[in-house]
């Protein structure tokens, strides 16, 4: 599986199928997405120009309830398990605990997607939550920028407890959080968890 972070929190997973999560600032017509997953409706996660540039004729789009009026093939709620074609995934609530930006009542989601016998947890914009603590996954895309999400100290502590095979920091280096946070994150994460820096690495 080829794992890419196209920038910020825009993720592309390429294997037997091409899966995007929150495509953002994709300015060229790639037209290669089999599936597009959207975590929530903020501009840096739901970017209509990027969606149009990666989608092709039969692309399937998965959205949370806040985007149910937009074009989609599946509307999802947090805390459920779904299957679309041969892809199974769980939706994990994605929210802030003491910050106002991502209220729990908005029903934003993260996705723990099973692709080719591995799980990829894209957290979305969230703090550390009881629901996130209960996830089991192989790859965790964890926001580290602070302000709108966990900061680097909180994110590294979460990864040390979650203990995925691979941790990939996202949501830093542009809108919020210094590009240097990735190095601090890697230093704070236990050495038996592989950290892959895809932004500024």
C-alpha atoms as a PDB file:
ATOM      1  CA  UNK A   1       0.000   0.000   0.000  1.00  0.00           C
ATOM      2  CA  UNK A   2       1.380   3.385  -0.984  1.00  0.00           C
ATOM      3  CA  UNK A   3       0.645   5.964   1.721  1.00  0.00           C
ATOM      4  CA  UNK A   4       0.807   9.682   0.912  1.00  0.00           C
ATOM      5  CA  UNK A   5      -0.039  12.880   2.735  1.00  0.00           C
ATOM      6  CA  UNK A   6      -0.660  15.427   0.000  1.00  0.00           C
ATOM      7  CA  UNK A   7      -0.417  18.258   2.503  1.00  0.00           C
ATOM      8  CA  UNK A   8      -2.082  19.358   5.743  1.00  0.00           C
ATOM      9  CA  UNK A   9      -4.537  16.485   6.390  1.00  0.00           C
ATOM     10  CA  UNK A  10      -5.111  15.337   2.811  1.00  0.00           C
ATOM     11  CA  UNK A  11      -4.405  11.613   2.534  1.00  0.00           C
ATOM     12  CA  UNK A  12      -4.103   9.247  -0.415  1.00  0.00           C
ATOM     13  CA  UNK A  13      -3.909   5.470  -0.070  1.00  0.00           C
ATOM     14  CA  UNK A  14      -3.046   3.553  -3.226  1.00  0.00           C
ATOM     15  CA  UNK A  15      -3.322  -0.201  -3.505  1.00  0.00           C
ATOM     16  CA  UNK A  16      -5.828  -2.290  -5.387  1.00  0.00           C
ATOM     17  CA  UNK A  17      -8.099   0.740  -5.029  1.00  0.00           C
ATOM     18  CA  UNK A  18      -7.288   4.451  -4.713  1.00  0.00           C
ATOM     19  CA  UNK A  19      -8.725   6.021  -1.574  1.00  0.00           C
ATOM     20  CA  UNK A  20      -8.609   9.703  -0.658  1.00  0.00           C
ATOM     21  CA  UNK A  21      -9.497  11.178   2.702  1.00  0.00           C
ATOM     22  CA  UNK A  22     -10.187  14.924   2.828  1.00  0.00           C
ATOM     23  CA  UNK A  23      -8.491  15.843  -0.480  1.00  0.00           C
ATOM     24  CA  UNK A  24      -7.324  19.447  -0.202  1.00  0.00           C
ATOM     25  CA  UNK A  25      -5.508  21.817  -2.546  1.00  0.00           C
ATOM     26  CA  UNK A  26      -5.332  19.288  -5.361  1.00  0.00           C
ATOM     27  CA  UNK A  27      -5.080  21.674  -8.311  1.00  0.00           C
ATOM     28  CA  UNK A  28      -4.548  19.206 -11.157  1.00  0.00           C
ATOM     29  CA  UNK A  29      -7.131  16.776 -12.593  1.00  0.00           C
ATOM     30  CA  UNK A  30      -5.873  13.405 -11.361  1.00  0.00           C
ATOM     31  CA  UNK A  31      -9.261  11.681 -11.827  1.00  0.00           C
ATOM     32  CA  UNK A  32      -8.080   8.493 -10.080  1.00  0.00           C
ATOM     33  CA  UNK A  33     -10.182   8.174  -6.914  1.00  0.00           C
ATOM     34  CA  UNK A  34     -12.198   5.031  -6.379  1.00  0.00           C
ATOM     35  CA  UNK A  35     -13.396   6.316  -2.992  1.00  0.00           C
ATOM     36  CA  UNK A  36     -13.356   9.703  -1.278  1.00  0.00           C
ATOM     37  CA  UNK A  37     -13.941   9.878   2.476  1.00  0.00           C
ATOM     38  CA  UNK A  38     -14.725  13.234   4.095  1.00  0.00           C
ATOM     39  CA  UNK A  39     -14.385  13.745   7.861  1.00  0.00           C
ATOM     40  CA  UNK A  40     -16.224  17.069   8.212  1.00  0.00           C
ATOM     41  CA  UNK A  41     -17.343  20.224   6.460  1.00  0.00           C
ATOM     42  CA  UNK A  42     -14.531  22.713   7.187  1.00  0.00           C
ATOM     43  CA  UNK A  43     -12.851  24.159   4.086  1.00  0.00           C
ATOM     44  CA  UNK A  44      -9.527  22.383   4.681  1.00  0.00           C
ATOM     45  CA  UNK A  45     -11.269  18.995   4.760  1.00  0.00           C
ATOM     46  CA  UNK A  46     -14.186  19.450   2.380  1.00  0.00           C
ATOM     47  CA  UNK A  47     -12.646  21.124  -0.675  1.00  0.00           C
ATOM     48  CA  UNK A  48     -14.980  20.893  -3.665  1.00  0.00           C
ATOM     49  CA  UNK A  49     -12.282  21.826  -6.203  1.00  0.00           C
ATOM     50  CA  UNK A  50     -10.048  19.014  -4.980  1.00  0.00           C
ATOM     51  CA  UNK A  51     -12.908  16.541  -4.952  1.00  0.00           C
ATOM     52  CA  UNK A  52     -13.670  17.358  -8.574  1.00  0.00           C
ATOM     53  CA  UNK A  53     -10.005  16.989  -9.492  1.00  0.00           C
ATOM     54  CA  UNK A  54      -9.600  13.524  -8.008  1.00  0.00           C
ATOM     55  CA  UNK A  55     -13.000  12.008  -8.747  1.00  0.00           C
ATOM     56  CA  UNK A  56     -13.773  10.032 -11.868  1.00  0.00           C
ATOM     57  CA  UNK A  57     -17.058   8.856 -13.324  1.00  0.00           C
ATOM     58  CA  UNK A  58     -17.676   6.052 -10.834  1.00  0.00           C
ATOM     59  CA  UNK A  59     -16.007   7.478  -7.710  1.00  0.00           C
ATOM     60  CA  UNK A  60     -17.945   6.856  -4.501  1.00  0.00           C
ATOM     61  CA  UNK A  61     -18.036   9.627  -1.909  1.00  0.00           C
ATOM     62  CA  UNK A  62     -18.594   8.979   1.793  1.00  0.00           C
ATOM     63  CA  UNK A  63     -19.628  11.926   3.977  1.00  0.00           C
ATOM     64  CA  UNK A  64     -20.832  12.637   7.524  1.00  0.00           C
ATOM     65  CA  UNK A  65     -24.332  13.920   8.197  1.00  0.00           C
ATOM     66  CA  UNK A  66     -23.268  17.584   8.071  1.00  0.00           C
ATOM     67  CA  UNK A  67     -22.682  17.086   4.323  1.00  0.00           C
ATOM     68  CA  UNK A  68     -25.702  14.914   3.560  1.00  0.00           C
ATOM     69  CA  UNK A  69     -27.083  17.519   1.134  1.00  0.00           C
ATOM     70  CA  UNK A  70     -23.915  17.288  -0.974  1.00  0.00           C
ATOM     71  CA  UNK A  71     -23.390  14.662  -3.640  1.00  0.00           C
ATOM     72  CA  UNK A  72     -22.550  11.349  -2.010  1.00  0.00           C
ATOM     73  CA  UNK A  73     -23.005   7.610  -2.152  1.00  0.00           C
ATOM     74  CA  UNK A  74     -23.082   7.039   1.601  1.00  0.00           C
ATOM     75  CA  UNK A  75     -23.887   9.243   4.602  1.00  0.00           C
ATOM     76  CA  UNK A  76     -22.357   8.006   7.859  1.00  0.00           C
ATOM     77  CA  UNK A  77     -22.813   8.682  11.541  1.00  0.00           C
ATOM     78  CA  UNK A  78     -20.164   8.364  14.271  1.00  0.00           C
ATOM     79  CA  UNK A  79     -19.847   5.127  16.169  1.00  0.00           C
ATOM     80  CA  UNK A  80     -20.966   2.719  13.457  1.00  0.00           C
ATOM     81  CA  UNK A  81     -19.523   0.043  11.174  1.00  0.00           C
ATOM     82  CA  UNK A  82     -20.101   0.162   7.426  1.00  0.00           C
ATOM     83  CA  UNK A  83     -19.270  -1.723   4.258  1.00  0.00           C
ATOM     84  CA  UNK A  84     -19.166  -0.113   0.818  1.00  0.00           C
ATOM     85  CA  UNK A  85     -18.410  -2.606  -1.947  1.00  0.00           C
ATOM     86  CA  UNK A  86     -15.580  -4.684  -0.465  1.00  0.00           C
ATOM     87  CA  UNK A  87     -14.282  -1.983   1.913  1.00  0.00           C
ATOM     88  CA  UNK A  88     -15.249  -2.155   5.578  1.00  0.00           C
ATOM     89  CA  UNK A  89     -14.702   0.715   7.975  1.00  0.00           C
ATOM     90  CA  UNK A  90     -15.691   2.078  11.370  1.00  0.00           C
ATOM     91  CA  UNK A  91     -16.598   5.685  12.074  1.00  0.00           C
ATOM     92  CA  UNK A  92     -15.088   7.129  15.243  1.00  0.00           C
ATOM     93  CA  UNK A  93     -16.490  10.331  16.763  1.00  0.00           C
ATOM     94  CA  UNK A  94     -14.142  13.249  16.088  1.00  0.00           C
ATOM     95  CA  UNK A  95     -14.554  16.237  18.381  1.00  0.00           C
ATOM     96  CA  UNK A  96     -12.979  18.766  20.726  1.00  0.00           C
ATOM     97  CA  UNK A  97     -13.404  18.422  24.476  1.00  0.00           C
ATOM     98  CA  UNK A  98     -12.628  21.944  25.715  1.00  0.00           C
ATOM     99  CA  UNK A  99     -12.305  23.819  22.417  1.00  0.00           C
ATOM    100  CA  UNK A 100     -15.209  25.232  20.386  1.00  0.00           C
ATOM    101  CA  UNK A 101     -14.099  24.326  16.863  1.00  0.00           C
ATOM    102  CA  UNK A 102     -15.415  20.772  16.492  1.00  0.00           C
ATOM    103  CA  UNK A 103     -18.384  20.253  18.831  1.00  0.00           C
ATOM    104  CA  UNK A 104     -19.416  16.694  19.507  1.00  0.00           C
ATOM    105  CA  UNK A 105     -22.970  17.484  18.448  1.00  0.00           C
ATOM    106  CA  UNK A 106     -21.851  18.118  14.850  1.00  0.00           C
ATOM    107  CA  UNK A 107     -21.279  14.372  14.377  1.00  0.00           C
ATOM    108  CA  UNK A 108     -17.913  14.758  12.672  1.00  0.00           C
ATOM    109  CA  UNK A 109     -16.073  11.478  12.132  1.00  0.00           C
ATOM    110  CA  UNK A 110     -12.744   9.800  11.807  1.00  0.00           C
ATOM    111  CA  UNK A 111     -12.421   6.612   9.781  1.00  0.00           C
ATOM    112  CA  UNK A 112     -10.712   3.326  10.621  1.00  0.00           C
ATOM    113  CA  UNK A 113     -10.636   1.761   7.146  1.00  0.00           C
ATOM    114  CA  UNK A 114      -9.647  -1.832   6.376  1.00  0.00           C
ATOM    115  CA  UNK A 115      -7.653  -2.021   3.145  1.00  0.00           C
ATOM    116  CA  UNK A 116      -5.826  -5.169   2.085  1.00  0.00           C
ATOM    117  CA  UNK A 117      -5.908  -6.629   5.606  1.00  0.00           C
ATOM    118  CA  UNK A 118      -4.536  -3.524   7.334  1.00  0.00           C
ATOM    119  CA  UNK A 119      -6.364  -0.800   9.221  1.00  0.00           C
ATOM    120  CA  UNK A 120      -5.830   2.896   8.543  1.00  0.00           C
ATOM    121  CA  UNK A 121      -7.214   5.281  11.173  1.00  0.00           C
ATOM    122  CA  UNK A 122      -7.627   8.820   9.882  1.00  0.00           C
ATOM    123  CA  UNK A 123      -8.653  10.714  12.981  1.00  0.00           C
ATOM    124  CA  UNK A 124      -9.939  13.964  11.502  1.00  0.00           C
ATOM    125  CA  UNK A 125      -9.889  17.086  13.665  1.00  0.00           C
ATOM    126  CA  UNK A 126     -10.145  15.789  17.192  1.00  0.00           C
ATOM    127  CA  UNK A 127      -8.803  15.821  20.688  1.00  0.00           C
ATOM    128  CA  UNK A 128      -7.928  12.629  22.490  1.00  0.00           C
ATOM    129  CA  UNK A 129     -11.249  11.035  23.342  1.00  0.00           C
ATOM    130  CA  UNK A 130     -12.461   7.801  24.976  1.00  0.00           C
ATOM    131  CA  UNK A 131     -13.641   6.623  21.566  1.00  0.00           C
ATOM    132  CA  UNK A 132     -10.220   7.232  20.016  1.00  0.00           C
ATOM    133  CA  UNK A 133      -8.587   5.379  22.912  1.00  0.00           C
ATOM    134  CA  UNK A 134     -10.664   2.289  22.083  1.00  0.00           C
ATOM    135  CA  UNK A 135      -9.506   2.036  18.454  1.00  0.00           C
ATOM    136  CA  UNK A 136      -7.201  -0.725  17.265  1.00  0.00           C
ATOM    137  CA  UNK A 137      -5.354   0.048  14.063  1.00  0.00           C
ATOM    138  CA  UNK A 138      -2.150  -0.467  12.098  1.00  0.00           C
ATOM    139  CA  UNK A 139      -1.646   3.052  10.729  1.00  0.00           C
ATOM    140  CA  UNK A 140      -2.746   6.141  12.650  1.00  0.00           C
ATOM    141  CA  UNK A 141      -2.904   9.557  10.999  1.00  0.00           C
ATOM    142  CA  UNK A 142      -2.831  11.789  14.054  1.00  0.00           C
ATOM    143  CA  UNK A 143      -3.288  15.592  14.111  1.00  0.00           C
ATOM    144  CA  UNK A 144      -0.492  17.330  16.022  1.00  0.00           C
ATOM    145  CA  UNK A 145      -0.816  21.044  15.241  1.00  0.00           C
ATOM    146  CA  UNK A 146      -2.747  22.155  18.302  1.00  0.00           C
ATOM    147  CA  UNK A 147      -5.298  25.014  18.308  1.00  0.00           C
ATOM    148  CA  UNK A 148      -8.010  22.967  16.550  1.00  0.00           C
ATOM    149  CA  UNK A 149      -6.788  19.484  17.505  1.00  0.00           C
ATOM    150  CA  UNK A 150      -4.406  17.706  19.825  1.00  0.00           C
ATOM    151  CA  UNK A 151      -1.030  19.351  20.248  1.00  0.00           C
ATOM    152  CA  UNK A 152       2.228  17.485  19.790  1.00  0.00           C
ATOM    153  CA  UNK A 153       2.509  16.459  23.456  1.00  0.00           C
ATOM    154  CA  UNK A 154      -1.051  15.134  23.559  1.00  0.00           C
ATOM    155  CA  UNK A 155      -0.706  13.405  20.181  1.00  0.00           C
ATOM    156  CA  UNK A 156       2.539  11.615  21.055  1.00  0.00           C
ATOM    157  CA  UNK A 157       1.132  10.444  24.401  1.00  0.00           C
ATOM    158  CA  UNK A 158      -1.928   9.119  22.576  1.00  0.00           C
ATOM    159  CA  UNK A 159       0.204   7.218  20.061  1.00  0.00           C
ATOM    160  CA  UNK A 160       2.348   5.737  22.815  1.00  0.00           C
ATOM    161  CA  UNK A 161      -0.794   4.322  24.416  1.00  0.00           C
ATOM    162  CA  UNK A 162      -2.501   3.297  21.165  1.00  0.00           C
ATOM    163  CA  UNK A 163       0.669   1.655  19.885  1.00  0.00           C
ATOM    164  CA  UNK A 164      -0.060   1.297  16.173  1.00  0.00           C
ATOM    165  CA  UNK A 165       2.560  -0.151  13.854  1.00  0.00           C
ATOM    166  CA  UNK A 166       2.938   3.213  12.109  1.00  0.00           C
ATOM    167  CA  UNK A 167       2.107   6.763  13.213  1.00  0.00           C
ATOM    168  CA  UNK A 168       1.860   9.542  10.646  1.00  0.00           C
ATOM    169  CA  UNK A 169       1.499  13.119  11.928  1.00  0.00           C
ATOM    170  CA  UNK A 170      -0.853  15.439  10.031  1.00  0.00           C
ATOM    171  CA  UNK A 171      -2.589  18.805  10.432  1.00  0.00           C
ATOM    172  CA  UNK A 172       0.507  20.930  10.967  1.00  0.00           C
ATOM    173  CA  UNK A 173       2.907  23.035   8.936  1.00  0.00           C
ATOM    174  CA  UNK A 174       0.458  25.315   7.132  1.00  0.00           C
ATOM    175  CA  UNK A 175      -2.813  26.410   8.744  1.00  0.00           C
ATOM    176  CA  UNK A 176      -1.600  25.738  12.263  1.00  0.00           C
ATOM    177  CA  UNK A 177       1.519  24.339  13.904  1.00  0.00           C
ATOM    178  CA  UNK A 178       5.151  24.680  12.889  1.00  0.00           C
ATOM    179  CA  UNK A 179       6.633  22.293  10.349  1.00  0.00           C
ATOM    180  CA  UNK A 180       9.185  21.448  13.057  1.00  0.00           C
ATOM    181  CA  UNK A 181       6.515  19.779  15.178  1.00  0.00           C
ATOM    182  CA  UNK A 182       6.964  16.534  13.263  1.00  0.00           C
ATOM    183  CA  UNK A 183      10.511  16.104  14.567  1.00  0.00           C
ATOM    184  CA  UNK A 184       9.380  16.757  18.140  1.00  0.00           C
ATOM    185  CA  UNK A 185       6.554  14.263  17.678  1.00  0.00           C
ATOM    186  CA  UNK A 186       8.967  11.596  16.451  1.00  0.00           C
ATOM    187  CA  UNK A 187      11.269  12.155  19.403  1.00  0.00           C
ATOM    188  CA  UNK A 188       8.401  11.788  21.866  1.00  0.00           C
ATOM    189  CA  UNK A 189       7.002   8.582  20.348  1.00  0.00           C
ATOM    190  CA  UNK A 190       8.321   5.260  21.646  1.00  0.00           C
ATOM    191  CA  UNK A 191      10.957   3.757  19.390  1.00  0.00           C
ATOM    192  CA  UNK A 192       9.001   0.587  18.679  1.00  0.00           C
ATOM    193  CA  UNK A 193       6.327   2.631  16.893  1.00  0.00           C
ATOM    194  CA  UNK A 194       7.450   3.620  13.423  1.00  0.00           C
ATOM    195  CA  UNK A 195       6.903   7.314  12.680  1.00  0.00           C
ATOM    196  CA  UNK A 196       6.631   8.290   9.035  1.00  0.00           C
ATOM    197  CA  UNK A 197       6.909  12.022   8.379  1.00  0.00           C
ATOM    198  CA  UNK A 198       5.109  12.823   5.146  1.00  0.00           C
ATOM    199  CA  UNK A 199       4.921  16.627   5.501  1.00  0.00           C
ATOM    200  CA  UNK A 200       8.254  18.411   5.464  1.00  0.00           C
ATOM    201  CA  UNK A 201      10.160  15.167   5.971  1.00  0.00           C
END
